[in-house]
Amino acid sequence: DAIPACKWVHAIPNGGSRGSTKDQAMRVGAQLKAEGVK
């Protein structure tokens, strides 16, 4: 009954906290946006 294809189901990390300070969050957010996060 195993469904091996399920091992390829994956998360898309587009949300969540990006740093402990506002400056860090803005910097990491800008980097991720440049990398294609939508």
All heavy atoms as atom14 arrays in JSON, in Angstrom:
{
  "sequence": "DAIPACKWVHAIPNGGSRGSTKDQAMRVGAQLKAEGVK",
  "atom14_mask": [
    [1, 1, 1, 1, 1, 1, 1, 1, 0, 0, 0, 0, 0, 0],
    [1, 1, 1, 1, 1, 0, 0, 0, 0, 0, 0, 0, 0, 0],
    [1, 1, 1, 1, 1, 1, 1, 1, 0, 0, 0, 0, 0, 0],
    [1, 1, 1, 1, 1, 1, 1, 0, 0, 0, 0, 0, 0, 0],
    [1, 1, 1, 1, 1, 0, 0, 0, 0, 0, 0, 0, 0, 0],
    [1, 1, 1, 1, 1, 1, 0, 0, 0, 0, 0, 0, 0, 0],
    [1, 1, 1, 1, 1, 1, 1, 1, 1, 0, 0, 0, 0, 0],
    [1, 1, 1, 1, 1, 1, 1, 1, 1, 1, 1, 1, 1, 1],
    [1, 1, 1, 1, 1, 1, 1, 0, 0, 0, 0, 0, 0, 0],
    [1, 1, 1, 1, 1, 1, 1, 1, 1, 1, 0, 0, 0, 0],
    [1, 1, 1, 1, 1, 0, 0, 0, 0, 0, 0, 0, 0, 0],
    [1, 1, 1, 1, 1, 1, 1, 1, 0, 0, 0, 0, 0, 0],
    [1, 1, 1, 1, 1, 1, 1, 0, 0, 0, 0, 0, 0, 0],
    [1, 1, 1, 1, 1, 1, 1, 1, 0, 0, 0, 0, 0, 0],
    [1, 1, 1, 1, 0, 0, 0, 0, 0, 0, 0, 0, 0, 0],
    [1, 1, 1, 1, 0, 0, 0, 0, 0, 0, 0, 0, 0, 0],
    [1, 1, 1, 1, 1, 1, 0, 0, 0, 0, 0, 0, 0, 0],
    [1, 1, 1, 1, 1, 1, 1, 1, 1, 1, 1, 0, 0, 0],
    [1, 1, 1, 1, 0, 0, 0, 0, 0, 0, 0, 0, 0, 0],
    [1, 1, 1, 1, 1, 1, 0, 0, 0, 0, 0, 0, 0, 0],
    [1, 1, 1, 1, 1, 1, 1, 0, 0, 0, 0, 0, 0, 0],
    [1, 1, 1, 1, 1, 1, 1, 1, 1, 0, 0, 0, 0, 0],
    [1, 1, 1, 1, 1, 1, 1, 1, 0, 0, 0, 0, 0, 0],
    [1, 1, 1, 1, 1, 1, 1, 1, 1, 0, 0, 0, 0, 0],
    [1, 1, 1, 1, 1, 0, 0, 0, 0, 0, 0, 0, 0, 0],
    [1, 1, 1, 1, 1, 1, 1, 1, 0, 0, 0, 0, 0, 0],
    [1, 1, 1, 1, 1, 1, 1, 1, 1, 1, 1, 0, 0, 0],
    [1, 1, 1, 1, 1, 1, 1, 0, 0, 0, 0, 0, 0, 0],
    [1, 1, 1, 1, 0, 0, 0, 0, 0, 0, 0, 0, 0, 0],
    [1, 1, 1, 1, 1, 0, 0, 0, 0, 0, 0, 0, 0, 0],
    [1, 1, 1, 1, 1, 1, 1, 1, 1, 0, 0, 0, 0, 0],
    [1, 1, 1, 1, 1, 1, 1, 1, 0, 0, 0, 0, 0, 0],
    [1, 1, 1, 1, 1, 1, 1, 1, 1, 0, 0, 0, 0, 0],
    [1, 1, 1, 1, 1, 0, 0, 0, 0, 0, 0, 0, 0, 0],
    [1, 1, 1, 1, 1, 1, 1, 1, 1, 0, 0, 0, 0, 0],
    [1, 1, 1, 1, 0, 0, 0, 0, 0, 0, 0, 0, 0, 0],
    [1, 1, 1, 1, 1, 1, 1, 0, 0, 0, 0, 0, 0, 0],
    [1, 1, 1, 1, 1, 1, 1, 1, 1, 0, 0, 0, 0, 0]
  ],
  "atom14_positions": [
    [[0.8, -1.22, 0.0], [0.0, 0.0, 0.0], [0.84, 1.27, 0.0], [0.3, 2.37, -0.02], [-0.93, 0.02, 1.22], [-1.98, -1.08, 1.17], [-2.35, -1.47, 0.04], [-2.4, -1.53, 2.23], [0.0, 0.0, 0.0], [0.0, 0.0, 0.0], [0.0, 0.0, 0.0], [0.0, 0.0, 0.0], [0.0, 0.0, 0.0], [0.0, 0.0, 0.0]],
    [[2.15, 1.15, 0.05], [3.03, 2.32, 0.08], [2.81, 3.18, -1.17], [2.5, 2.66, -2.24], [4.49, 1.87, 0.16], [0.0, 0.0, 0.0], [0.0, 0.0, 0.0], [0.0, 0.0, 0.0], [0.0, 0.0, 0.0], [0.0, 0.0, 0.0], [0.0, 0.0, 0.0], [0.0, 0.0, 0.0], [0.0, 0.0, 0.0], [0.0, 0.0, 0.0]],
    [[2.98, 4.47, -1.0], [2.87, 5.4, -2.12], [4.18, 6.19, -2.17], [4.27, 7.32, -1.67], [1.65, 6.33, -1.97], [0.38, 5.51, -1.75], [1.5, 7.24, -3.19], [-0.85, 6.32, -1.43], [0.0, 0.0, 0.0], [0.0, 0.0, 0.0], [0.0, 0.0, 0.0], [0.0, 0.0, 0.0], [0.0, 0.0, 0.0], [0.0, 0.0, 0.0]],
    [[5.24, 5.58, -2.73], [6.56, 6.22, -2.71], [6.6, 7.62, -3.3], [7.42, 8.43, -2.88], [7.43, 5.26, -3.53], [6.72, 3.96, -3.48], [5.26, 4.29, -3.39], [0.0, 0.0, 0.0], [0.0, 0.0, 0.0], [0.0, 0.0, 0.0], [0.0, 0.0, 0.0], [0.0, 0.0, 0.0], [0.0, 0.0, 0.0], [0.0, 0.0, 0.0]],
    [[5.73, 7.94, -4.26], [5.73, 9.28, -4.86], [5.46, 10.36, -3.83], [5.84, 11.52, -4.04], [4.71, 9.35, -5.99], [0.0, 0.0, 0.0], [0.0, 0.0, 0.0], [0.0, 0.0, 0.0], [0.0, 0.0, 0.0], [0.0, 0.0, 0.0], [0.0, 0.0, 0.0], [0.0, 0.0, 0.0], [0.0, 0.0, 0.0], [0.0, 0.0, 0.0]],
    [[4.84, 10.01, -2.7], [4.54, 11.01, -1.66], [5.8, 11.6, -1.05], [5.75, 12.65, -0.43], [3.63, 10.42, -0.59], [1.92, 10.29, -1.15], [0.0, 0.0, 0.0], [0.0, 0.0, 0.0], [0.0, 0.0, 0.0], [0.0, 0.0, 0.0], [0.0, 0.0, 0.0], [0.0, 0.0, 0.0], [0.0, 0.0, 0.0], [0.0, 0.0, 0.0]],
    [[6.94, 10.91, -1.21], [8.17, 11.47, -0.65], [8.58, 12.75, -1.38], [9.4, 13.51, -0.9], [9.3, 10.45, -0.66], [9.91, 10.2, -2.01], [11.04, 9.19, -1.91], [11.74, 9.01, -3.25], [12.88, 8.11, -3.12], [0.0, 0.0, 0.0], [0.0, 0.0, 0.0], [0.0, 0.0, 0.0], [0.0, 0.0, 0.0], [0.0, 0.0, 0.0]],
    [[7.99, 13.01, -2.55], [8.32, 14.21, -3.32], [7.38, 15.38, -3.06], [7.57, 16.47, -3.61], [8.39, 13.89, -4.81], [9.48, 12.91, -5.09], [9.35, 11.6, -5.47], [10.88, 13.14, -4.96], [10.58, 11.01, -5.58], [11.55, 11.94, -5.28], [11.65, 14.24, -4.6], [12.93, 11.82, -5.25], [13.03, 14.12, -4.59], [13.65, 12.92, -4.9]],
    [[6.36, 15.18, -2.24], [5.51, 16.3, -1.82], [6.41, 17.23, -1.01], [7.18, 16.77, -0.17], [4.32, 15.8, -0.98], [3.51, 16.97, -0.45], [3.45, 14.84, -1.79], [0.0, 0.0, 0.0], [0.0, 0.0, 0.0], [0.0, 0.0, 0.0], [0.0, 0.0, 0.0], [0.0, 0.0, 0.0], [0.0, 0.0, 0.0], [0.0, 0.0, 0.0]],
    [[6.35, 18.52, -1.28], [7.28, 19.42, -0.61], [6.66, 20.76, -0.23], [5.66, 21.19, -0.8], [8.52, 19.66, -1.49], [8.2, 20.23, -2.84], [7.84, 19.44, -3.92], [8.19, 21.5, -3.3], [7.63, 20.2, -4.97], [7.83, 21.46, -4.62], [0.0, 0.0, 0.0], [0.0, 0.0, 0.0], [0.0, 0.0, 0.0], [0.0, 0.0, 0.0]],
    [[7.32, 21.39, 0.74], [6.9, 22.71, 1.21], [7.56, 23.78, 0.36], [8.66, 23.59, -0.17], [7.3, 22.89, 2.67], [0.0, 0.0, 0.0], [0.0, 0.0, 0.0], [0.0, 0.0, 0.0], [0.0, 0.0, 0.0], [0.0, 0.0, 0.0], [0.0, 0.0, 0.0], [0.0, 0.0, 0.0], [0.0, 0.0, 0.0], [0.0, 0.0, 0.0]],
    [[6.89, 24.9, 0.26], [7.41, 26.07, -0.44], [7.52, 27.19, 0.6], [6.5, 27.75, 1.0], [6.48, 26.48, -1.6], [6.3, 25.32, -2.57], [7.02, 27.73, -2.3], [5.21, 25.52, -3.59], [0.0, 0.0, 0.0], [0.0, 0.0, 0.0], [0.0, 0.0, 0.0], [0.0, 0.0, 0.0], [0.0, 0.0, 0.0], [0.0, 0.0, 0.0]],
    [[8.72, 27.47, 1.09], [8.87, 28.4, 2.22], [8.76, 29.87, 1.81], [9.75, 30.59, 1.72], [10.26, 28.07, 2.76], [11.01, 27.58, 1.57], [9.99, 26.88, 0.7], [0.0, 0.0, 0.0], [0.0, 0.0, 0.0], [0.0, 0.0, 0.0], [0.0, 0.0, 0.0], [0.0, 0.0, 0.0], [0.0, 0.0, 0.0], [0.0, 0.0, 0.0]],
    [[7.53, 30.33, 1.56], [7.32, 31.72, 1.16], [6.94, 32.63, 2.32], [6.91, 33.83, 2.15], [6.24, 31.8, 0.08], [6.82, 31.56, -1.29], [7.96, 31.89, -1.55], [6.04, 30.96, -2.16], [0.0, 0.0, 0.0], [0.0, 0.0, 0.0], [0.0, 0.0, 0.0], [0.0, 0.0, 0.0], [0.0, 0.0, 0.0], [0.0, 0.0, 0.0]],
    [[6.59, 32.09, 3.47], [6.15, 32.93, 4.57], [7.03, 32.76, 5.79], [8.08, 32.12, 5.74], [0.0, 0.0, 0.0], [0.0, 0.0, 0.0], [0.0, 0.0, 0.0], [0.0, 0.0, 0.0], [0.0, 0.0, 0.0], [0.0, 0.0, 0.0], [0.0, 0.0, 0.0], [0.0, 0.0, 0.0], [0.0, 0.0, 0.0], [0.0, 0.0, 0.0]],
    [[6.62, 33.33, 6.88], [7.32, 33.15, 8.14], [8.26, 34.29, 8.47], [8.52, 35.18, 7.68], [0.0, 0.0, 0.0], [0.0, 0.0, 0.0], [0.0, 0.0, 0.0], [0.0, 0.0, 0.0], [0.0, 0.0, 0.0], [0.0, 0.0, 0.0], [0.0, 0.0, 0.0], [0.0, 0.0, 0.0], [0.0, 0.0, 0.0], [0.0, 0.0, 0.0]],
    [[8.8, 34.21, 9.68], [9.71, 35.22, 10.19], [11.05, 35.14, 9.47], [11.54, 34.06, 9.18], [9.92, 35.02, 11.69], [10.86, 35.95, 12.16], [0.0, 0.0, 0.0], [0.0, 0.0, 0.0], [0.0, 0.0, 0.0], [0.0, 0.0, 0.0], [0.0, 0.0, 0.0], [0.0, 0.0, 0.0], [0.0, 0.0, 0.0], [0.0, 0.0, 0.0]],
    [[11.63, 36.28, 9.22], [12.9, 36.33, 8.48], [14.03, 36.94, 9.29], [15.04, 37.32, 8.75], [12.71, 37.15, 7.19], [11.62, 36.63, 6.28], [11.95, 35.25, 5.77], [10.94, 34.85, 4.79], [10.77, 33.62, 4.39], [11.51, 32.66, 4.87], [9.85, 33.33, 3.51], [0.0, 0.0, 0.0], [0.0, 0.0, 0.0], [0.0, 0.0, 0.0]],
    [[13.87, 37.07, 10.59], [14.92, 37.63, 11.43], [14.36, 38.11, 12.75], [13.16, 38.29, 12.9], [0.0, 0.0, 0.0], [0.0, 0.0, 0.0], [0.0, 0.0, 0.0], [0.0, 0.0, 0.0], [0.0, 0.0, 0.0], [0.0, 0.0, 0.0], [0.0, 0.0, 0.0], [0.0, 0.0, 0.0], [0.0, 0.0, 0.0], [0.0, 0.0, 0.0]],
    [[15.25, 38.33, 13.71], [14.79, 38.72, 15.04], [14.62, 40.23, 15.18], [14.0, 40.7, 16.12], [15.75, 38.19, 16.11], [17.06, 38.67, 15.85], [0.0, 0.0, 0.0], [0.0, 0.0, 0.0], [0.0, 0.0, 0.0], [0.0, 0.0, 0.0], [0.0, 0.0, 0.0], [0.0, 0.0, 0.0], [0.0, 0.0, 0.0], [0.0, 0.0, 0.0]],
    [[15.18, 41.0, 14.26], [14.99, 42.45, 14.29], [14.35, 42.9, 12.98], [14.4, 42.18, 11.97], [16.34, 43.18, 14.46], [17.12, 42.99, 13.28], [17.1, 42.7, 15.68], [0.0, 0.0, 0.0], [0.0, 0.0, 0.0], [0.0, 0.0, 0.0], [0.0, 0.0, 0.0], [0.0, 0.0, 0.0], [0.0, 0.0, 0.0], [0.0, 0.0, 0.0]],
    [[13.79, 44.09, 13.0], [13.15, 44.62, 11.8], [14.17, 44.77, 10.67], [13.89, 44.45, 9.52], [12.49, 45.96, 12.11], [11.71, 46.53, 10.95], [10.98, 47.8, 11.34], [10.21, 48.33, 10.14], [9.47, 49.55, 10.47], [0.0, 0.0, 0.0], [0.0, 0.0, 0.0], [0.0, 0.0, 0.0], [0.0, 0.0, 0.0], [0.0, 0.0, 0.0]],
    [[15.39, 45.21, 11.0], [16.44, 45.38, 10.0], [16.8, 44.04, 9.37], [16.93, 43.93, 8.15], [17.67, 46.02, 10.64], [18.74, 46.33, 9.61], [18.42, 46.99, 8.61], [19.9, 45.88, 9.83], [0.0, 0.0, 0.0], [0.0, 0.0, 0.0], [0.0, 0.0, 0.0], [0.0, 0.0, 0.0], [0.0, 0.0, 0.0], [0.0, 0.0, 0.0]],
    [[16.97, 43.0, 10.2], [17.28, 41.66, 9.68], [16.16, 41.17, 8.78], [16.41, 40.61, 7.71], [17.45, 40.65, 10.83], [18.79, 40.63, 11.46], [18.84, 39.57, 12.56], [17.84, 39.33, 13.25], [19.99, 38.96, 12.72], [0.0, 0.0, 0.0], [0.0, 0.0, 0.0], [0.0, 0.0, 0.0], [0.0, 0.0, 0.0], [0.0, 0.0, 0.0]],
    [[14.93, 41.32, 9.23], [13.77, 40.84, 8.46], [13.71, 41.54, 7.1], [13.44, 40.89, 6.08], [12.48, 41.08, 9.25], [0.0, 0.0, 0.0], [0.0, 0.0, 0.0], [0.0, 0.0, 0.0], [0.0, 0.0, 0.0], [0.0, 0.0, 0.0], [0.0, 0.0, 0.0], [0.0, 0.0, 0.0], [0.0, 0.0, 0.0], [0.0, 0.0, 0.0]],
    [[13.98, 42.83, 7.07], [13.94, 43.57, 5.81], [15.06, 43.1, 4.88], [14.85, 42.91, 3.69], [14.04, 45.07, 6.07], [12.77, 45.64, 6.68], [12.9, 47.39, 7.08], [13.12, 48.09, 5.46], [0.0, 0.0, 0.0], [0.0, 0.0, 0.0], [0.0, 0.0, 0.0], [0.0, 0.0, 0.0], [0.0, 0.0, 0.0], [0.0, 0.0, 0.0]],
    [[16.26, 42.88, 5.43], [17.39, 42.44, 4.62], [17.16, 41.05, 4.05], [17.31, 40.82, 2.84], [18.67, 42.46, 5.47], [19.93, 42.31, 4.66], [21.22, 42.51, 5.47], [21.1, 43.28, 6.68], [21.19, 42.77, 7.93], [21.42, 41.51, 8.11], [21.08, 43.55, 8.98], [0.0, 0.0, 0.0], [0.0, 0.0, 0.0], [0.0, 0.0, 0.0]],
    [[16.74, 40.11, 4.9], [16.49, 38.74, 4.45], [15.32, 38.72, 3.48], [15.35, 38.03, 2.46], [16.26, 37.79, 5.64], [15.83, 36.42, 5.17], [17.52, 37.69, 6.48], [0.0, 0.0, 0.0], [0.0, 0.0, 0.0], [0.0, 0.0, 0.0], [0.0, 0.0, 0.0], [0.0, 0.0, 0.0], [0.0, 0.0, 0.0], [0.0, 0.0, 0.0]],
    [[14.28, 39.5, 3.77], [13.13, 39.58, 2.88], [13.53, 40.07, 1.49], [13.07, 39.53, 0.47], [0.0, 0.0, 0.0], [0.0, 0.0, 0.0], [0.0, 0.0, 0.0], [0.0, 0.0, 0.0], [0.0, 0.0, 0.0], [0.0, 0.0, 0.0], [0.0, 0.0, 0.0], [0.0, 0.0, 0.0], [0.0, 0.0, 0.0], [0.0, 0.0, 0.0]],
    [[14.39, 41.07, 1.42], [14.87, 41.58, 0.13], [15.67, 40.52, -0.61], [15.53, 40.35, -1.83], [15.7, 42.84, 0.34], [0.0, 0.0, 0.0], [0.0, 0.0, 0.0], [0.0, 0.0, 0.0], [0.0, 0.0, 0.0], [0.0, 0.0, 0.0], [0.0, 0.0, 0.0], [0.0, 0.0, 0.0], [0.0, 0.0, 0.0], [0.0, 0.0, 0.0]],
    [[16.52, 39.77, 0.11], [17.3, 38.7, -0.52], [16.39, 37.63, -1.1], [16.58, 37.17, -2.23], [18.26, 38.07, 0.49], [19.41, 38.96, 0.89], [20.2, 38.39, 2.06], [19.73, 37.52, 2.78], [21.41, 38.89, 2.23], [0.0, 0.0, 0.0], [0.0, 0.0, 0.0], [0.0, 0.0, 0.0], [0.0, 0.0, 0.0], [0.0, 0.0, 0.0]],
    [[15.4, 37.21, -0.31], [14.49, 36.16, -0.75], [13.65, 36.62, -1.95], [13.42, 35.85, -2.88], [13.6, 35.7, 0.39], [14.34, 34.95, 1.5], [13.41, 34.71, 2.69], [14.91, 33.65, 0.99], [0.0, 0.0, 0.0], [0.0, 0.0, 0.0], [0.0, 0.0, 0.0], [0.0, 0.0, 0.0], [0.0, 0.0, 0.0], [0.0, 0.0, 0.0]],
    [[13.22, 37.86, -1.92], [12.45, 38.4, -3.05], [13.31, 38.38, -4.31], [12.85, 38.01, -5.4], [11.96, 39.81, -2.74], [11.0, 40.35, -3.77], [10.39, 41.67, -3.32], [9.39, 42.16, -4.33], [8.78, 43.42, -3.92], [0.0, 0.0, 0.0], [0.0, 0.0, 0.0], [0.0, 0.0, 0.0], [0.0, 0.0, 0.0], [0.0, 0.0, 0.0]],
    [[14.6, 38.74, -4.17], [15.51, 38.71, -5.32], [15.7, 37.28, -5.84], [15.93, 37.07, -7.02], [16.86, 39.33, -4.93], [0.0, 0.0, 0.0], [0.0, 0.0, 0.0], [0.0, 0.0, 0.0], [0.0, 0.0, 0.0], [0.0, 0.0, 0.0], [0.0, 0.0, 0.0], [0.0, 0.0, 0.0], [0.0, 0.0, 0.0], [0.0, 0.0, 0.0]],
    [[15.59, 36.3, -4.93], [15.74, 34.89, -5.31], [14.47, 34.3, -5.91], [14.47, 33.16, -6.36], [16.16, 34.05, -4.1], [17.56, 34.34, -3.62], [17.9, 33.58, -2.35], [17.1, 32.74, -1.9], [18.98, 33.84, -1.8], [0.0, 0.0, 0.0], [0.0, 0.0, 0.0], [0.0, 0.0, 0.0], [0.0, 0.0, 0.0], [0.0, 0.0, 0.0]],
    [[13.37, 35.05, -5.88], [12.15, 34.58, -6.51], [11.01, 34.22, -5.59], [9.98, 33.72, -6.06], [0.0, 0.0, 0.0], [0.0, 0.0, 0.0], [0.0, 0.0, 0.0], [0.0, 0.0, 0.0], [0.0, 0.0, 0.0], [0.0, 0.0, 0.0], [0.0, 0.0, 0.0], [0.0, 0.0, 0.0], [0.0, 0.0, 0.0], [0.0, 0.0, 0.0]],
    [[11.14, 34.46, -4.29], [10.03, 34.2, -3.37], [8.87, 35.11, -3.76], [9.07, 36.29, -4.04], [10.48, 34.43, -1.91], [9.3, 34.46, -0.96], [11.48, 33.37, -1.49], [0.0, 0.0, 0.0], [0.0, 0.0, 0.0], [0.0, 0.0, 0.0], [0.0, 0.0, 0.0], [0.0, 0.0, 0.0], [0.0, 0.0, 0.0], [0.0, 0.0, 0.0]],
    [[7.67, 34.55, -3.79], [6.49, 35.3, -4.23], [5.39, 35.26, -3.17], [5.05, 34.19, -2.67], [5.91, 34.71, -5.51], [6.87, 34.63, -6.67], [6.92, 35.93, -7.41], [7.75, 35.76, -8.67], [8.57, 36.86, -8.96], [0.0, 0.0, 0.0], [0.0, 0.0, 0.0], [0.0, 0.0, 0.0], [0.0, 0.0, 0.0], [0.0, 0.0, 0.0]]
  ]
}
